[in-house]
Amino acid sequence: MIVGGVGYILNAVGFNEFFVRYEVKHFLYLIIAASGLKLIYGYIAPNVKDPIFSQPIAQKLFFIGIGLIAVALLMKNFHIDNYQILLYIDILFQIGALAVSFLAKDPREKGFSEDILDE
């Protein structure tokens, strides 16, 4: 999903001429394919955790970033100026989500037990 989002951002911001010949729907197909592969892999190896979705703060940042991409797509489709600003902000949110997912630890993984509070 991140690859599709980064590809779309590179296309929309105009960083790379290679992406100009592709349309937004191609990147959306890539995101859908990555989501499908993630679901299939989740069924094959249920014990493996996704770093973004296992950390609550990273998950919130990720979904805010996805929301920003959706708003930017709507702004582009309705020819509203300055949608690129949202894409730059989205880059910061996605980097933040990745940083938090790999650096922060979930309190549930530190051995915190709710049974202690009940005793």
PDB file of N, CA and C in Angstrom:
ATOM      1  N   MET A   1       0.830  -1.180   0.000  1.00  0.00           N
ATOM      2  CA  MET A   1       0.000   0.000   0.000  1.00  0.00           C
ATOM      3  C   MET A   1       0.879   1.249   0.000  1.00  0.00           C
ATOM      4  N   ILE A   2       1.957   1.169   0.702  1.00  0.00           N
ATOM      5  CA  ILE A   2       2.838   2.324   0.769  1.00  0.00           C
ATOM      6  C   ILE A   2       3.457   2.593  -0.593  1.00  0.00           C
ATOM      7  N   VAL A   3       3.810   1.531  -1.318  1.00  0.00           N
ATOM      8  CA  VAL A   3       4.398   1.706  -2.649  1.00  0.00           C
ATOM      9  C   VAL A   3       3.402   2.393  -3.581  1.00  0.00           C
ATOM     10  N   GLY A   4       2.144   1.989  -3.527  1.00  0.00           N
ATOM     11  CA  GLY A   4       1.127   2.624  -4.367  1.00  0.00           C
ATOM     12  C   GLY A   4       0.931   4.078  -4.003  1.00  0.00           C
ATOM     13  N   GLY A   5       0.904   4.373  -2.708  1.00  0.00           N
ATOM     14  CA  GLY A   5       0.747   5.758  -2.265  1.00  0.00           C
ATOM     15  C   GLY A   5       1.936   6.618  -2.648  1.00  0.00           C
ATOM     16  N   VAL A   6       3.137   6.090  -2.472  1.00  0.00           N
ATOM     17  CA  VAL A   6       4.334   6.847  -2.851  1.00  0.00           C
ATOM     18  C   VAL A   6       4.370   7.053  -4.357  1.00  0.00           C
ATOM     19  N   GLY A   7       3.988   6.030  -5.112  1.00  0.00           N
ATOM     20  CA  GLY A   7       3.951   6.175  -6.570  1.00  0.00           C
ATOM     21  C   GLY A   7       2.969   7.232  -7.007  1.00  0.00           C
ATOM     22  N   TYR A   8       1.796   7.251  -6.380  1.00  0.00           N
ATOM     23  CA  TYR A   8       0.812   8.278  -6.720  1.00  0.00           C
ATOM     24  C   TYR A   8       1.321   9.667  -6.358  1.00  0.00           C
ATOM     25  N   ILE A   9       1.943   9.783  -5.192  1.00  0.00           N
ATOM     26  CA  ILE A   9       2.458  11.088  -4.771  1.00  0.00           C
ATOM     27  C   ILE A   9       3.540  11.567  -5.729  1.00  0.00           C
ATOM     28  N   LEU A  10       4.443  10.670  -6.123  1.00  0.00           N
ATOM     29  CA  LEU A  10       5.482  11.057  -7.089  1.00  0.00           C
ATOM     30  C   LEU A  10       4.855  11.505  -8.403  1.00  0.00           C
ATOM     31  N   ASN A  11       3.786  10.848  -8.814  1.00  0.00           N
ATOM     32  CA  ASN A  11       3.101  11.225 -10.039  1.00  0.00           C
ATOM     33  C   ASN A  11       2.431  12.586  -9.895  1.00  0.00           C
ATOM     34  N   ALA A  12       1.697  12.786  -8.817  1.00  0.00           N
ATOM     35  CA  ALA A  12       0.926  14.013  -8.640  1.00  0.00           C
ATOM     36  C   ALA A  12       1.826  15.217  -8.414  1.00  0.00           C
ATOM     37  N   VAL A  13       2.902  15.033  -7.699  1.00  0.00           N
ATOM     38  CA  VAL A  13       3.799  16.148  -7.418  1.00  0.00           C
ATOM     39  C   VAL A  13       4.706  16.412  -8.618  1.00  0.00           C
ATOM     40  N   GLY A  14       4.927  15.416  -9.453  1.00  0.00           N
ATOM     41  CA  GLY A  14       5.727  15.607 -10.656  1.00  0.00           C
ATOM     42  C   GLY A  14       7.214  15.391 -10.429  1.00  0.00           C
ATOM     43  N   PHE A  15       7.579  14.549  -9.449  1.00  0.00           N
ATOM     44  CA  PHE A  15       8.985  14.296  -9.179  1.00  0.00           C
ATOM     45  C   PHE A  15       9.636  13.446 -10.270  1.00  0.00           C
ATOM     46  N   ASN A  16       8.872  12.581 -10.894  1.00  0.00           N
ATOM     47  CA  ASN A  16       9.474  11.617 -11.795  1.00  0.00           C
ATOM     48  C   ASN A  16       8.650  11.529 -13.071  1.00  0.00           C
ATOM     49  N   GLU A  17       9.281  11.731 -14.194  1.00  0.00           N
ATOM     50  CA  GLU A  17       8.586  11.710 -15.484  1.00  0.00           C
ATOM     51  C   GLU A  17       8.100  10.310 -15.855  1.00  0.00           C
ATOM     52  N   PHE A  18       8.711   9.282 -15.287  1.00  0.00           N
ATOM     53  CA  PHE A  18       8.299   7.915 -15.582  1.00  0.00           C
ATOM     54  C   PHE A  18       6.849   7.674 -15.176  1.00  0.00           C
ATOM     55  N   PHE A  19       6.423   8.277 -14.069  1.00  0.00           N
ATOM     56  CA  PHE A  19       5.080   8.053 -13.560  1.00  0.00           C
ATOM     57  C   PHE A  19       4.014   8.866 -14.288  1.00  0.00           C
ATOM     58  N   VAL A  20       4.405   9.801 -15.108  1.00  0.00           N
ATOM     59  CA  VAL A  20       3.440  10.687 -15.757  1.00  0.00           C
ATOM     60  C   VAL A  20       2.549   9.925 -16.731  1.00  0.00           C
ATOM     61  N   ARG A  21       3.075   8.893 -17.354  1.00  0.00           N
ATOM     62  CA  ARG A  21       2.263   8.178 -18.347  1.00  0.00           C
ATOM     63  C   ARG A  21       1.250   7.229 -17.728  1.00  0.00           C
ATOM     64  N   TYR A  22       1.287   7.050 -16.417  1.00  0.00           N
ATOM     65  CA  TYR A  22       0.308   6.221 -15.731  1.00  0.00           C
ATOM     66  C   TYR A  22      -0.792   7.091 -15.145  1.00  0.00           C
ATOM     67  N   GLU A  23      -1.975   6.531 -15.023  1.00  0.00           N
ATOM     68  CA  GLU A  23      -3.110   7.255 -14.468  1.00  0.00           C
ATOM     69  C   GLU A  23      -3.294   6.868 -13.004  1.00  0.00           C
ATOM     70  N   VAL A  24      -4.116   7.624 -12.314  1.00  0.00           N
ATOM     71  CA  VAL A  24      -4.365   7.375 -10.904  1.00  0.00           C
ATOM     72  C   VAL A  24      -4.952   5.980 -10.692  1.00  0.00           C
ATOM     73  N   LYS A  25      -5.766   5.516 -11.626  1.00  0.00           N
ATOM     74  CA  LYS A  25      -6.385   4.201 -11.454  1.00  0.00           C
ATOM     75  C   LYS A  25      -5.343   3.090 -11.418  1.00  0.00           C
ATOM     76  N   HIS A  26      -4.207   3.267 -12.112  1.00  0.00           N
ATOM     77  CA  HIS A  26      -3.165   2.254 -12.063  1.00  0.00           C
ATOM     78  C   HIS A  26      -2.589   2.132 -10.656  1.00  0.00           C
ATOM     79  N   PHE A  27      -2.428   3.262  -9.989  1.00  0.00           N
ATOM     80  CA  PHE A  27      -1.904   3.228  -8.631  1.00  0.00           C
ATOM     81  C   PHE A  27      -2.947   2.686  -7.658  1.00  0.00           C
ATOM     82  N   LEU A  28      -4.199   2.977  -7.917  1.00  0.00           N
ATOM     83  CA  LEU A  28      -5.252   2.406  -7.082  1.00  0.00           C
ATOM     84  C   LEU A  28      -5.309   0.891  -7.251  1.00  0.00           C
ATOM     85  N   TYR A  29      -5.103   0.396  -8.468  1.00  0.00           N
ATOM     86  CA  TYR A  29      -5.044  -1.051  -8.692  1.00  0.00           C
ATOM     87  C   TYR A  29      -3.877  -1.660  -7.927  1.00  0.00           C
ATOM     88  N   LEU A  30      -2.759  -0.955  -7.896  1.00  0.00           N
ATOM     89  CA  LEU A  30      -1.592  -1.429  -7.169  1.00  0.00           C
ATOM     90  C   LEU A  30      -1.883  -1.511  -5.666  1.00  0.00           C
ATOM     91  N   ILE A  31      -2.582  -0.511  -5.130  1.00  0.00           N
ATOM     92  CA  ILE A  31      -2.950  -0.515  -3.719  1.00  0.00           C
ATOM     93  C   ILE A  31      -3.911  -1.669  -3.424  1.00  0.00           C
ATOM     94  N   ILE A  32      -4.875  -1.900  -4.304  1.00  0.00           N
ATOM     95  CA  ILE A  32      -5.823  -3.003  -4.116  1.00  0.00           C
ATOM     96  C   ILE A  32      -5.090  -4.344  -4.167  1.00  0.00           C
ATOM     97  N   ALA A  33      -4.163  -4.481  -5.101  1.00  0.00           N
ATOM     98  CA  ALA A  33      -3.401  -5.732  -5.204  1.00  0.00           C
ATOM     99  C   ALA A  33      -2.554  -5.948  -3.945  1.00  0.00           C
ATOM    100  N   ALA A  34      -1.922  -4.892  -3.448  1.00  0.00           N
ATOM    101  CA  ALA A  34      -1.110  -5.020  -2.232  1.00  0.00           C
ATOM    102  C   ALA A  34      -1.983  -5.379  -1.037  1.00  0.00           C
ATOM    103  N   SER A  35      -3.173  -4.817  -0.959  1.00  0.00           N
ATOM    104  CA  SER A  35      -4.095  -5.155   0.135  1.00  0.00           C
ATOM    105  C   SER A  35      -4.523  -6.615   0.044  1.00  0.00           C
ATOM    106  N   GLY A  36      -4.796  -7.075  -1.160  1.00  0.00           N
ATOM    107  CA  GLY A  36      -5.170  -8.478  -1.349  1.00  0.00           C
ATOM    108  C   GLY A  36      -4.044  -9.420  -0.957  1.00  0.00           C
ATOM    109  N   LEU A  37      -2.822  -9.087  -1.353  1.00  0.00           N
ATOM    110  CA  LEU A  37      -1.679  -9.916  -0.972  1.00  0.00           C
ATOM    111  C   LEU A  37      -1.484  -9.927   0.544  1.00  0.00           C
ATOM    112  N   LYS A  38      -1.733  -8.779   1.174  1.00  0.00           N
ATOM    113  CA  LYS A  38      -1.615  -8.700   2.632  1.00  0.00           C
ATOM    114  C   LYS A  38      -2.650  -9.606   3.305  1.00  0.00           C
ATOM    115  N   LEU A  39      -3.875  -9.620   2.786  1.00  0.00           N
ATOM    116  CA  LEU A  39      -4.910 -10.493   3.344  1.00  0.00           C
ATOM    117  C   LEU A  39      -4.543 -11.964   3.176  1.00  0.00           C
ATOM    118  N   ILE A  40      -4.078 -12.316   1.991  1.00  0.00           N
ATOM    119  CA  ILE A  40      -3.697 -13.706   1.732  1.00  0.00           C
ATOM    120  C   ILE A  40      -2.543 -14.119   2.643  1.00  0.00           C
ATOM    121  N   TYR A  41      -1.554 -13.238   2.781  1.00  0.00           N
ATOM    122  CA  TYR A  41      -0.419 -13.545   3.650  1.00  0.00           C
ATOM    123  C   TYR A  41      -0.863 -13.637   5.112  1.00  0.00           C
ATOM    124  N   GLY A  42      -1.852 -12.840   5.497  1.00  0.00           N
ATOM    125  CA  GLY A  42      -2.383 -12.903   6.848  1.00  0.00           C
ATOM    126  C   GLY A  42      -3.033 -14.247   7.143  1.00  0.00           C
ATOM    127  N   TYR A  43      -3.667 -14.850   6.152  1.00  0.00           N
ATOM    128  CA  TYR A  43      -4.255 -16.178   6.338  1.00  0.00           C
ATOM    129  C   TYR A  43      -3.183 -17.268   6.363  1.00  0.00           C
ATOM    130  N   ILE A  44      -2.123 -17.084   5.577  1.00  0.00           N
ATOM    131  CA  ILE A  44      -1.056 -18.081   5.525  1.00  0.00           C
ATOM    132  C   ILE A  44      -0.236 -18.058   6.819  1.00  0.00           C
ATOM    133  N   ALA A  45       0.134 -16.863   7.280  1.00  0.00           N
ATOM    134  CA  ALA A  45       0.967 -16.723   8.482  1.00  0.00           C
ATOM    135  C   ALA A  45       0.278 -15.787   9.476  1.00  0.00           C
ATOM    136  N   PRO A  46      -0.683 -16.312  10.247  1.00  0.00           N
ATOM    137  CA  PRO A  46      -1.448 -15.441  11.153  1.00  0.00           C
ATOM    138  C   PRO A  46      -0.644 -14.906  12.338  1.00  0.00           C
ATOM    139  N   ASN A  47       0.503 -15.508  12.645  1.00  0.00           N
ATOM    140  CA  ASN A  47       1.296 -15.055  13.786  1.00  0.00           C
ATOM    141  C   ASN A  47       2.147 -13.828  13.478  1.00  0.00           C
ATOM    142  N   VAL A  48       2.364 -13.539  12.214  1.00  0.00           N
ATOM    143  CA  VAL A  48       3.187 -12.396  11.825  1.00  0.00           C
ATOM    144  C   VAL A  48       2.342 -11.132  11.914  1.00  0.00           C
ATOM    145  N   LYS A  49       2.854 -10.129  12.624  1.00  0.00           N
ATOM    146  CA  LYS A  49       2.118  -8.882  12.810  1.00  0.00           C
ATOM    147  C   LYS A  49       2.610  -7.824  11.829  1.00  0.00           C
ATOM    148  N   ASP A  50       1.682  -7.051  11.322  1.00  0.00           N
ATOM    149  CA  ASP A  50       2.010  -5.914  10.488  1.00  0.00           C
ATOM    150  C   ASP A  50       2.492  -4.793  11.410  1.00  0.00           C
ATOM    151  N   PRO A  51       3.660  -4.192  11.157  1.00  0.00           N
ATOM    152  CA  PRO A  51       4.174  -3.196  12.087  1.00  0.00           C
ATOM    153  C   PRO A  51       3.284  -1.958  12.212  1.00  0.00           C
ATOM    154  N   ILE A  52       2.618  -1.573  11.153  1.00  0.00           N
ATOM    155  CA  ILE A  52       1.788  -0.366  11.225  1.00  0.00           C
ATOM    156  C   ILE A  52       0.497  -0.655  11.978  1.00  0.00           C
ATOM    157  N   PHE A  53      -0.140  -1.780  11.716  1.00  0.00           N
ATOM    158  CA  PHE A  53      -1.433  -2.046  12.331  1.00  0.00           C
ATOM    159  C   PHE A  53      -1.328  -2.648  13.732  1.00  0.00           C
ATOM    160  N   SER A  54      -0.137  -3.058  14.155  1.00  0.00           N
ATOM    161  CA  SER A  54       0.010  -3.539  15.518  1.00  0.00           C
ATOM    162  C   SER A  54       0.303  -2.400  16.493  1.00  0.00           C
ATOM    163  N   GLN A  55       0.669  -1.242  15.998  1.00  0.00           N
ATOM    164  CA  GLN A  55       0.933  -0.062  16.830  1.00  0.00           C
ATOM    165  C   GLN A  55      -0.213   0.936  16.643  1.00  0.00           C
ATOM    166  N   PRO A  56      -0.973   1.265  17.703  1.00  0.00           N
ATOM    167  CA  PRO A  56      -2.154   2.134  17.558  1.00  0.00           C
ATOM    168  C   PRO A  56      -1.848   3.537  17.027  1.00  0.00           C
ATOM    169  N   ILE A  57      -0.751   4.138  17.460  1.00  0.00           N
ATOM    170  CA  ILE A  57      -0.425   5.494  16.991  1.00  0.00           C
ATOM    171  C   ILE A  57      -0.058   5.463  15.513  1.00  0.00           C
ATOM    172  N   ALA A  58       0.733   4.472  15.107  1.00  0.00           N
ATOM    173  CA  ALA A  58       1.114   4.349  13.691  1.00  0.00           C
ATOM    174  C   ALA A  58      -0.109   4.093  12.828  1.00  0.00           C
ATOM    175  N   GLN A  59      -1.051   3.318  13.337  1.00  0.00           N
ATOM    176  CA  GLN A  59      -2.271   3.036  12.582  1.00  0.00           C
ATOM    177  C   GLN A  59      -3.073   4.315  12.359  1.00  0.00           C
ATOM    178  N   LYS A  60      -3.187   5.150  13.377  1.00  0.00           N
ATOM    179  CA  LYS A  60      -3.913   6.418  13.225  1.00  0.00           C
ATOM    180  C   LYS A  60      -3.223   7.331  12.222  1.00  0.00           C
ATOM    181  N   LEU A  61      -1.903   7.437  12.318  1.00  0.00           N
ATOM    182  CA  LEU A  61      -1.169   8.277  11.363  1.00  0.00           C
ATOM    183  C   LEU A  61      -1.331   7.766   9.939  1.00  0.00           C
ATOM    184  N   PHE A  62      -1.306   6.445   9.778  1.00  0.00           N
ATOM    185  CA  PHE A  62      -1.455   5.846   8.454  1.00  0.00           C
ATOM    186  C   PHE A  62      -2.827   6.177   7.855  1.00  0.00           C
ATOM    187  N   PHE A  63      -3.888   6.014   8.652  1.00  0.00           N
ATOM    188  CA  PHE A  63      -5.230   6.280   8.139  1.00  0.00           C
ATOM    189  C   PHE A  63      -5.463   7.769   7.880  1.00  0.00           C
ATOM    190  N   ILE A  64      -4.843   8.638   8.668  1.00  0.00           N
ATOM    191  CA  ILE A  64      -4.922  10.072   8.373  1.00  0.00           C
ATOM    192  C   ILE A  64      -4.252  10.354   7.031  1.00  0.00           C
ATOM    193  N   GLY A  65      -3.103   9.713   6.795  1.00  0.00           N
ATOM    194  CA  GLY A  65      -2.417   9.880   5.514  1.00  0.00           C
ATOM    195  C   GLY A  65      -3.248   9.384   4.345  1.00  0.00           C
ATOM    196  N   ILE A  66      -3.915   8.242   4.508  1.00  0.00           N
ATOM    197  CA  ILE A  66      -4.787   7.721   3.454  1.00  0.00           C
ATOM    198  C   ILE A  66      -5.946   8.688   3.208  1.00  0.00           C
ATOM    199  N   GLY A  67      -6.489   9.264   4.283  1.00  0.00           N
ATOM    200  CA  GLY A  67      -7.549  10.266   4.137  1.00  0.00           C
ATOM    201  C   GLY A  67      -7.070  11.493   3.373  1.00  0.00           C
ATOM    202  N   LEU A  68      -5.835  11.897   3.629  1.00  0.00           N
ATOM    203  CA  LEU A  68      -5.283  13.040   2.899  1.00  0.00           C
ATOM    204  C   LEU A  68      -5.142  12.739   1.411  1.00  0.00           C
ATOM    205  N   ILE A  69      -4.740  11.516   1.086  1.00  0.00           N
ATOM    206  CA  ILE A  69      -4.649  11.134  -0.326  1.00  0.00           C
ATOM    207  C   ILE A  69      -6.033  11.160  -0.968  1.00  0.00           C
ATOM    208  N   ALA A  70      -7.035  10.671  -0.248  1.00  0.00           N
ATOM    209  CA  ALA A  70      -8.398  10.664  -0.791  1.00  0.00           C
ATOM    210  C   ALA A  70      -8.895  12.089  -1.037  1.00  0.00           C
ATOM    211  N   VAL A  71      -8.630  12.982  -0.086  1.00  0.00           N
ATOM    212  CA  VAL A  71      -9.048  14.377  -0.268  1.00  0.00           C
ATOM    213  C   VAL A  71      -8.293  15.008  -1.431  1.00  0.00           C
ATOM    214  N   ALA A  72      -7.005  14.703  -1.561  1.00  0.00           N
ATOM    215  CA  ALA A  72      -6.219  15.233  -2.677  1.00  0.00           C
ATOM    216  C   ALA A  72      -6.746  14.725  -4.016  1.00  0.00           C
ATOM    217  N   LEU A  73      -7.159  13.451  -4.064  1.00  0.00           N
ATOM    218  CA  LEU A  73      -7.752  12.910  -5.295  1.00  0.00           C
ATOM    219  C   LEU A  73      -9.042  13.648  -5.654  1.00  0.00           C
ATOM    220  N   LEU A  74      -9.871  13.899  -4.662  1.00  0.00           N
ATOM    221  CA  LEU A  74     -11.108  14.643  -4.923  1.00  0.00           C
ATOM    222  C   LEU A  74     -10.810  16.061  -5.397  1.00  0.00           C
ATOM    223  N   MET A  75      -9.837  16.695  -4.749  1.00  0.00           N
ATOM    224  CA  MET A  75      -9.475  18.055  -5.163  1.00  0.00           C
ATOM    225  C   MET A  75      -8.953  18.069  -6.600  1.00  0.00           C
ATOM    226  N   LYS A  76      -8.159  17.048  -6.958  1.00  0.00           N
ATOM    227  CA  LYS A  76      -7.629  16.985  -8.323  1.00  0.00           C
ATOM    228  C   LYS A  76      -8.751  16.737  -9.324  1.00  0.00           C
ATOM    229  N   ASN A  77      -9.692  15.854  -8.988  1.00  0.00           N
ATOM    230  CA  ASN A  77     -10.791  15.555  -9.909  1.00  0.00           C
ATOM    231  C   ASN A  77     -11.721  16.743 -10.115  1.00  0.00           C
ATOM    232  N   PHE A  78     -11.890  17.561  -9.077  1.00  0.00           N
ATOM    233  CA  PHE A  78     -12.752  18.730  -9.195  1.00  0.00           C
ATOM    234  C   PHE A  78     -11.976  19.994  -9.534  1.00  0.00           C
ATOM    235  N   HIS A  79     -10.715  19.831  -9.923  1.00  0.00           N
ATOM    236  CA  HIS A  79      -9.854  20.936 -10.374  1.00  0.00           C
ATOM    237  C   HIS A  79      -9.732  22.035  -9.328  1.00  0.00           C
ATOM    238  N   ILE A  80      -9.534  21.628  -8.077  1.00  0.00           N
ATOM    239  CA  ILE A  80      -9.280  22.567  -6.993  1.00  0.00           C
ATOM    240  C   ILE A  80      -7.772  22.686  -6.838  1.00  0.00           C
ATOM    241  N   ASP A  81      -7.288  23.897  -6.791  1.00  0.00           N
ATOM    242  CA  ASP A  81      -5.849  24.137  -6.728  1.00  0.00           C
ATOM    243  C   ASP A  81      -5.265  23.718  -5.380  1.00  0.00           C
ATOM    244  N   ASN A  82      -3.949  23.592  -5.386  1.00  0.00           N
ATOM    245  CA  ASN A  82      -3.139  23.339  -4.190  1.00  0.00           C
ATOM    246  C   ASN A  82      -3.381  21.975  -3.550  1.00  0.00           C
ATOM    247  N   TYR A  83      -3.788  20.985  -4.324  1.00  0.00           N
ATOM    248  CA  TYR A  83      -3.919  19.644  -3.763  1.00  0.00           C
ATOM    249  C   TYR A  83      -2.545  19.048  -3.478  1.00  0.00           C
ATOM    250  N   GLN A  84      -1.498  19.577  -4.123  1.00  0.00           N
ATOM    251  CA  GLN A  84      -0.148  19.070  -3.884  1.00  0.00           C
ATOM    252  C   GLN A  84       0.292  19.298  -2.445  1.00  0.00           C
ATOM    253  N   ILE A  85      -0.216  20.353  -1.814  1.00  0.00           N
ATOM    254  CA  ILE A  85       0.140  20.622  -0.420  1.00  0.00           C
ATOM    255  C   ILE A  85      -0.297  19.462   0.460  1.00  0.00           C
ATOM    256  N   LEU A  86      -1.492  18.930   0.201  1.00  0.00           N
ATOM    257  CA  LEU A  86      -1.965  17.776   0.973  1.00  0.00           C
ATOM    258  C   LEU A  86      -1.066  16.560   0.758  1.00  0.00           C
ATOM    259  N   LEU A  87      -0.542  16.419  -0.442  1.00  0.00           N
ATOM    260  CA  LEU A  87       0.332  15.284  -0.712  1.00  0.00           C
ATOM    261  C   LEU A  87       1.655  15.418   0.034  1.00  0.00           C
ATOM    262  N   TYR A  88       2.181  16.644   0.130  1.00  0.00           N
ATOM    263  CA  TYR A  88       3.398  16.855   0.917  1.00  0.00           C
ATOM    264  C   TYR A  88       3.144  16.564   2.396  1.00  0.00           C
ATOM    265  N   ILE A  89       1.989  16.979   2.890  1.00  0.00           N
ATOM    266  CA  ILE A  89       1.633  16.696   4.286  1.00  0.00           C
ATOM    267  C   ILE A  89       1.466  15.192   4.478  1.00  0.00           C
ATOM    268  N   ASP A  90       0.896  14.518   3.471  1.00  0.00           N
ATOM    269  CA  ASP A  90       0.725  13.073   3.547  1.00  0.00           C
ATOM    270  C   ASP A  90       2.070  12.367   3.658  1.00  0.00           C
ATOM    271  N   ILE A  91       3.060  12.841   2.949  1.00  0.00           N
ATOM    272  CA  ILE A  91       4.394  12.239   3.041  1.00  0.00           C
ATOM    273  C   ILE A  91       4.885  12.274   4.481  1.00  0.00           C
ATOM    274  N   LEU A  92       4.665  13.399   5.155  1.00  0.00           N
ATOM    275  CA  LEU A  92       5.084  13.506   6.559  1.00  0.00           C
ATOM    276  C   LEU A  92       4.328  12.519   7.443  1.00  0.00           C
ATOM    277  N   PHE A  93       3.021  12.372   7.214  1.00  0.00           N
ATOM    278  CA  PHE A  93       2.234  11.430   8.007  1.00  0.00           C
ATOM    279  C   PHE A  93       2.686   9.992   7.759  1.00  0.00           C
ATOM    280  N   GLN A  94       2.977   9.643   6.504  1.00  0.00           N
ATOM    281  CA  GLN A  94       3.405   8.271   6.206  1.00  0.00           C
ATOM    282  C   GLN A  94       4.780   7.986   6.805  1.00  0.00           C
ATOM    283  N   ILE A  95       5.689   8.959   6.735  1.00  0.00           N
ATOM    284  CA  ILE A  95       7.004   8.781   7.363  1.00  0.00           C
ATOM    285  C   ILE A  95       6.840   8.653   8.874  1.00  0.00           C
ATOM    286  N   GLY A  96       5.957   9.460   9.440  1.00  0.00           N
ATOM    287  CA  GLY A  96       5.692   9.366  10.875  1.00  0.00           C
ATOM    288  C   GLY A  96       5.126   8.011  11.260  1.00  0.00           C
ATOM    289  N   ALA A  97       4.211   7.488  10.445  1.00  0.00           N
ATOM    290  CA  ALA A  97       3.628   6.175  10.724  1.00  0.00           C
ATOM    291  C   ALA A  97       4.691   5.091  10.679  1.00  0.00           C
ATOM    292  N   LEU A  98       5.574   5.159   9.682  1.00  0.00           N
ATOM    293  CA  LEU A  98       6.642   4.161   9.611  1.00  0.00           C
ATOM    294  C   LEU A  98       7.601   4.289  10.780  1.00  0.00           C
ATOM    295  N   ALA A  99       7.965   5.530  11.140  1.00  0.00           N
ATOM    296  CA  ALA A  99       8.896   5.731  12.254  1.00  0.00           C
ATOM    297  C   ALA A  99       8.304   5.218  13.562  1.00  0.00           C
ATOM    298  N   VAL A 100       7.051   5.559  13.812  1.00  0.00           N
ATOM    299  CA  VAL A 100       6.410   5.117  15.052  1.00  0.00           C
ATOM    300  C   VAL A 100       6.258   3.596  15.060  1.00  0.00           C
ATOM    301  N   SER A 101       5.942   3.016  13.912  1.00  0.00           N
ATOM    302  CA  SER A 101       5.714   1.562  13.881  1.00  0.00           C
ATOM    303  C   SER A 101       6.979   0.773  14.178  1.00  0.00           C
ATOM    304  N   PHE A 102       8.141   1.310  13.827  1.00  0.00           N
ATOM    305  CA  PHE A 102       9.375   0.579  14.071  1.00  0.00           C
ATOM    306  C   PHE A 102      10.084   0.998  15.347  1.00  0.00           C
ATOM    307  N   LEU A 103       9.791   2.190  15.857  1.00  0.00           N
ATOM    308  CA  LEU A 103      10.489   2.671  17.046  1.00  0.00           C
ATOM    309  C   LEU A 103       9.696   2.464  18.337  1.00  0.00           C
ATOM    310  N   ALA A 104       8.413   2.742  18.306  1.00  0.00           N
ATOM    311  CA  ALA A 104       7.597   2.655  19.520  1.00  0.00           C
ATOM    312  C   ALA A 104       7.167   1.217  19.757  1.00  0.00           C
ATOM    313  N   LYS A 105       7.051   0.875  21.000  1.00  0.00           N
ATOM    314  CA  LYS A 105       6.588  -0.454  21.369  1.00  0.00           C
ATOM    315  C   LYS A 105       5.169  -0.356  21.894  1.00  0.00           C
ATOM    316  N   ASP A 106       4.380  -1.341  21.568  1.00  0.00           N
ATOM    317  CA  ASP A 106       3.002  -1.413  22.035  1.00  0.00           C
ATOM    318  C   ASP A 106       3.008  -1.834  23.500  1.00  0.00           C
ATOM    319  N   PRO A 107       2.229  -1.164  24.363  1.00  0.00           N
ATOM    320  CA  PRO A 107       2.225  -1.545  25.781  1.00  0.00           C
ATOM    321  C   PRO A 107       1.789  -2.989  26.008  1.00  0.00           C
ATOM    322  N   ARG A 108       1.010  -3.543  25.096  1.00  0.00           N
ATOM    323  CA  ARG A 108       0.574  -4.932  25.241  1.00  0.00           C
ATOM    324  C   ARG A 108       1.730  -5.910  25.054  1.00  0.00           C
ATOM    325  N   GLU A 109       2.797  -5.479  24.368  1.00  0.00           N
ATOM    326  CA  GLU A 109       3.927  -6.369  24.118  1.00  0.00           C
ATOM    327  C   GLU A 109       4.971  -6.318  25.226  1.00  0.00           C
ATOM    328  N   LYS A 110       4.866  -5.426  26.189  1.00  0.00           N
ATOM    329  CA  LYS A 110       5.869  -5.275  27.235  1.00  0.00           C
ATOM    330  C   LYS A 110       5.611  -6.198  28.425  1.00  0.00           C
ATOM    331  N   GLY A 111       4.686  -7.109  28.275  1.00  0.00           N
ATOM    332  CA  GLY A 111       4.395  -7.995  29.376  1.00  0.00           C
ATOM    333  C   GLY A 111       3.353  -7.428  30.318  1.00  0.00           C
ATOM    334  N   PHE A 112       2.705  -6.357  29.918  1.00  0.00           N
ATOM    335  CA  PHE A 112       1.660  -5.754  30.743  1.00  0.00           C
ATOM    336  C   PHE A 112       0.486  -6.709  30.800  1.00  0.00           C
ATOM    337  N   SER A 113       0.032  -6.998  31.985  1.00  0.00           N
ATOM    338  CA  SER A 113      -1.060  -7.941  32.152  1.00  0.00           C
ATOM    339  C   SER A 113      -2.189  -7.276  32.914  1.00  0.00           C
ATOM    340  N   GLU A 114      -3.389  -7.387  32.389  1.00  0.00           N
ATOM    341  CA  GLU A 114      -4.540  -6.828  33.093  1.00  0.00           C
ATOM    342  C   GLU A 114      -4.921  -7.676  34.295  1.00  0.00           C
ATOM    343  N   ASP A 115      -4.427  -8.918  34.355  1.00  0.00           N
ATOM    344  CA  ASP A 115      -4.727  -9.780  35.486  1.00  0.00           C
ATOM    345  C   ASP A 115      -4.126  -9.217  36.779  1.00  0.00           C
ATOM    346  N   ILE A 116      -3.010  -8.515  36.676  1.00  0.00           N
ATOM    347  CA  ILE A 116      -2.381  -7.925  37.853  1.00  0.00           C
ATOM    348  C   ILE A 116      -3.295  -6.886  38.485  1.00  0.00           C
ATOM    349  N   LEU A 117      -3.985  -6.122  37.672  1.00  0.00           N
ATOM    350  CA  LEU A 117      -4.871  -5.082  38.176  1.00  0.00           C
ATOM    351  C   LEU A 117      -6.090  -5.682  38.852  1.00  0.00           C
ATOM    352  N   ASP A 118      -6.488  -6.869  38.432  1.00  0.00           N
ATOM    353  CA  ASP A 118      -7.675  -7.498  39.013  1.00  0.00           C
ATOM    354  C   ASP A 118      -7.408  -8.084  40.387  1.00  0.00           C
ATOM    355  N   GLU A 119      -6.172  -8.373  40.701  1.00  0.00           N
ATOM    356  CA  GLU A 119      -5.853  -9.020  41.994  1.00  0.00           C
ATOM    357  C   GLU A 119      -5.782  -8.038  43.128  1.00  0.00           C
TER     358      GLU A 119
END
